[in-house]
Each structure stands twice: as structure tokens, then as C-alpha cells.
Protein backbone atom coordinates (compact mmCIF):
# COMPACT_ATOMS: atom_id res chain seq x y z
CA UNK A 1 0.02 0.09 -0.04
CA UNK A 2 1.48 2.90 -0.77
CA UNK A 3 1.44 6.29 0.97
CA UNK A 4 1.17 8.67 -1.93
CA UNK A 5 -2.39 7.62 -2.86
CA UNK A 6 -4.72 10.52 -3.99
CA UNK A 7 -7.12 10.06 -0.21
CA UNK A 8 -4.07 10.51 1.56
CA UNK A 9 -2.28 13.69 -0.04
CA UNK A 10 -6.23 15.13 -0.02
CA UNK A 11 -5.83 14.30 3.63
CA UNK A 12 -2.39 16.04 4.30
CA UNK A 13 -3.32 19.12 2.49
CA UNK A 14 -6.57 19.24 3.52
CA UNK A 15 -7.33 17.73 7.41
CA UNK A 16 -7.22 18.89 10.27
CA UNK A 17 -3.23 19.12 10.93
CA UNK A 18 -2.46 20.87 7.13
CA UNK A 19 -0.44 23.61 8.46
CA UNK A 20 1.49 21.10 10.96
CA UNK A 21 2.53 19.07 7.68
CA UNK A 22 3.34 21.77 5.32
CA UNK A 23 5.13 23.42 8.58
CA UNK A 24 7.26 20.48 8.94
CA UNK A 25 8.03 19.59 5.52
CA UNK A 26 9.02 23.50 5.60
CA UNK A 27 11.59 22.37 8.63
CA UNK A 28 12.45 19.39 6.57
CA UNK A 29 13.02 20.77 4.08
CA UNK A 30 15.70 23.89 5.56
CA UNK A 31 17.50 21.49 6.99
CA UNK A 32 17.59 19.41 3.51
CA UNK A 33 18.92 22.79 1.53
CA UNK A 34 20.96 23.35 4.50
CA UNK A 35 23.08 19.91 3.67
CA UNK A 36 23.40 19.97 0.35
CA UNK A 37 22.27 21.54 -3.25
CA UNK A 38 20.11 18.40 -4.15
CA UNK A 39 18.55 19.07 -0.66
CA UNK A 40 16.65 22.09 -1.95
CA UNK A 41 15.03 20.54 -4.54
CA UNK A 42 14.36 18.05 -2.29
CA UNK A 43 12.89 20.06 0.27
CA UNK A 44 10.66 21.56 -2.80
CA UNK A 45 9.52 18.59 -3.31
CA UNK A 46 8.51 18.18 0.23
CA UNK A 47 6.43 21.42 0.69
CA UNK A 48 5.56 21.07 -2.84
CA UNK A 49 3.34 17.40 -1.91
CA UNK A 50 2.42 19.32 1.39
CA UNK A 51 1.18 22.47 0.00
CA UNK A 52 -3.01 22.48 -0.78
CA UNK A 53 -2.59 24.39 -4.57
CA UNK A 54 0.02 24.58 -7.05
CA UNK A 55 0.19 28.41 -6.68
CA UNK A 56 0.59 28.18 -2.74
CA UNK A 57 2.99 25.40 -3.79
CA UNK A 58 5.40 27.75 -5.30
CA UNK A 59 5.23 30.06 -3.41
CA UNK A 60 6.34 27.65 -0.48
CA UNK A 61 9.35 26.43 -2.21
CA UNK A 62 10.45 30.11 -3.05
CA UNK A 63 10.34 30.72 1.29
CA UNK A 64 11.75 27.61 1.09
CA UNK A 65 14.80 28.86 -1.36
CA UNK A 66 14.58 32.42 0.74
CA UNK A 67 14.93 30.76 3.86
CA UNK A 68 18.34 28.61 3.41
CA UNK A 69 19.91 31.61 1.73
CA UNK A 70 19.16 33.87 4.59
CA UNK A 71 20.56 31.42 7.06
CA UNK A 72 23.60 30.50 5.03
CA UNK A 73 24.04 34.45 5.21
CA UNK A 74 23.91 34.65 8.83
CA UNK A 75 26.53 31.86 8.64
CA UNK A 76 28.67 33.74 6.49
CA UNK A 77 28.40 36.47 8.96
CA UNK A 78 28.90 35.20 12.16
CA UNK A 79 32.35 33.05 10.88
CA UNK A 80 33.62 36.29 9.53
CA UNK A 81 33.62 35.74 5.33
CA UNK A 82 30.16 37.45 4.16
CA UNK A 83 32.02 40.08 2.53
CA UNK A 84 34.23 37.61 0.80
CA UNK A 85 31.84 35.79 -0.72
CA UNK A 86 29.74 38.79 -1.56
CA UNK A 87 32.64 39.90 -3.66
CA UNK A 88 32.84 36.97 -5.78
CA UNK A 89 30.41 37.81 -8.43
CA UNK A 90 29.39 35.10 -10.40
CA UNK A 91 29.97 32.32 -8.03
CA UNK A 92 27.87 34.94 -5.49
CA UNK A 93 24.85 35.25 -8.06
CA UNK A 94 24.78 31.23 -8.51
CA UNK A 95 23.94 30.72 -5.12
CA UNK A 96 21.80 33.22 -4.67
CA UNK A 97 20.20 31.95 -7.78
CA UNK A 98 19.98 28.66 -6.80
CA UNK A 99 18.31 28.99 -3.47
CA UNK A 100 15.59 31.14 -5.37
CA UNK A 101 15.00 28.80 -8.29
CA UNK A 102 15.24 25.12 -6.79
CA UNK A 103 12.93 24.63 -3.77
CA UNK A 104 10.16 25.90 -6.63
CA UNK A 105 11.55 23.57 -9.35
CA UNK A 106 10.80 20.74 -7.04
CA UNK A 107 7.62 22.08 -5.68
CA UNK A 108 5.96 21.63 -9.09
CA UNK A 109 5.94 18.16 -8.25
CA UNK A 110 2.88 19.27 -6.91
CA UNK A 111 1.06 19.96 -10.19
CA UNK A 112 1.92 16.08 -11.27
CA UNK A 113 0.40 14.53 -8.07
């Protein structure tokens, strides 16, 4: 028996604990996205599966990426390398772009399920 049946997904998205499920998926996504860039896609997919609509899935993915980027910037500030990271040009843009584009890409799975 599969956990991702349409009835089970509908219950997760619209049930009594739908907000809790989405918050849990968001927290797991932040942890995954903090470890590796593939975690950004996986975290986006998690929040996408938990979101009630496709629009909310994309927005949740964007919020997830922004949160991971903010935590990364705070970590760089704490270790004293934020200025060097900001001055790296294209690599800085790559890390910002990946963190803001990959989670919504993963959240697009909501349109398939």
C-alpha cells in the first residue's frame, strides 16, 4: 500500500493538521537545503507535496529557498566571510539563483500529483 495515494495526499493537504504537515515539510526542507544543493530540490518537493494548491506550492518553495539563503548569509556573517562571498561575483549569483530557483522547481511536483 502506497502512502502517496490521492486520498492520503488530500487528507494531508486539507485535513485538520494540514498547516502542521506543511510546517514540518518546511523544516525538513530547510535542513536538507542546508546540507546540499540537491536538498533544495528535495525540500521544494516536500513542501510542494504538502501544499494545498500549485500556487501555494511554488510560494512555499520560494520561501524555503529564501530561508536557506538567509541562514547561509547569517552563517557567513558569523564566521566573518560574508564580504568575501559577496565579492565573488558569478559564484555569488549562482548560489543566490540556486537557492531561489531550485526549491520552486522541486515544488512543481505538486502539478503532477
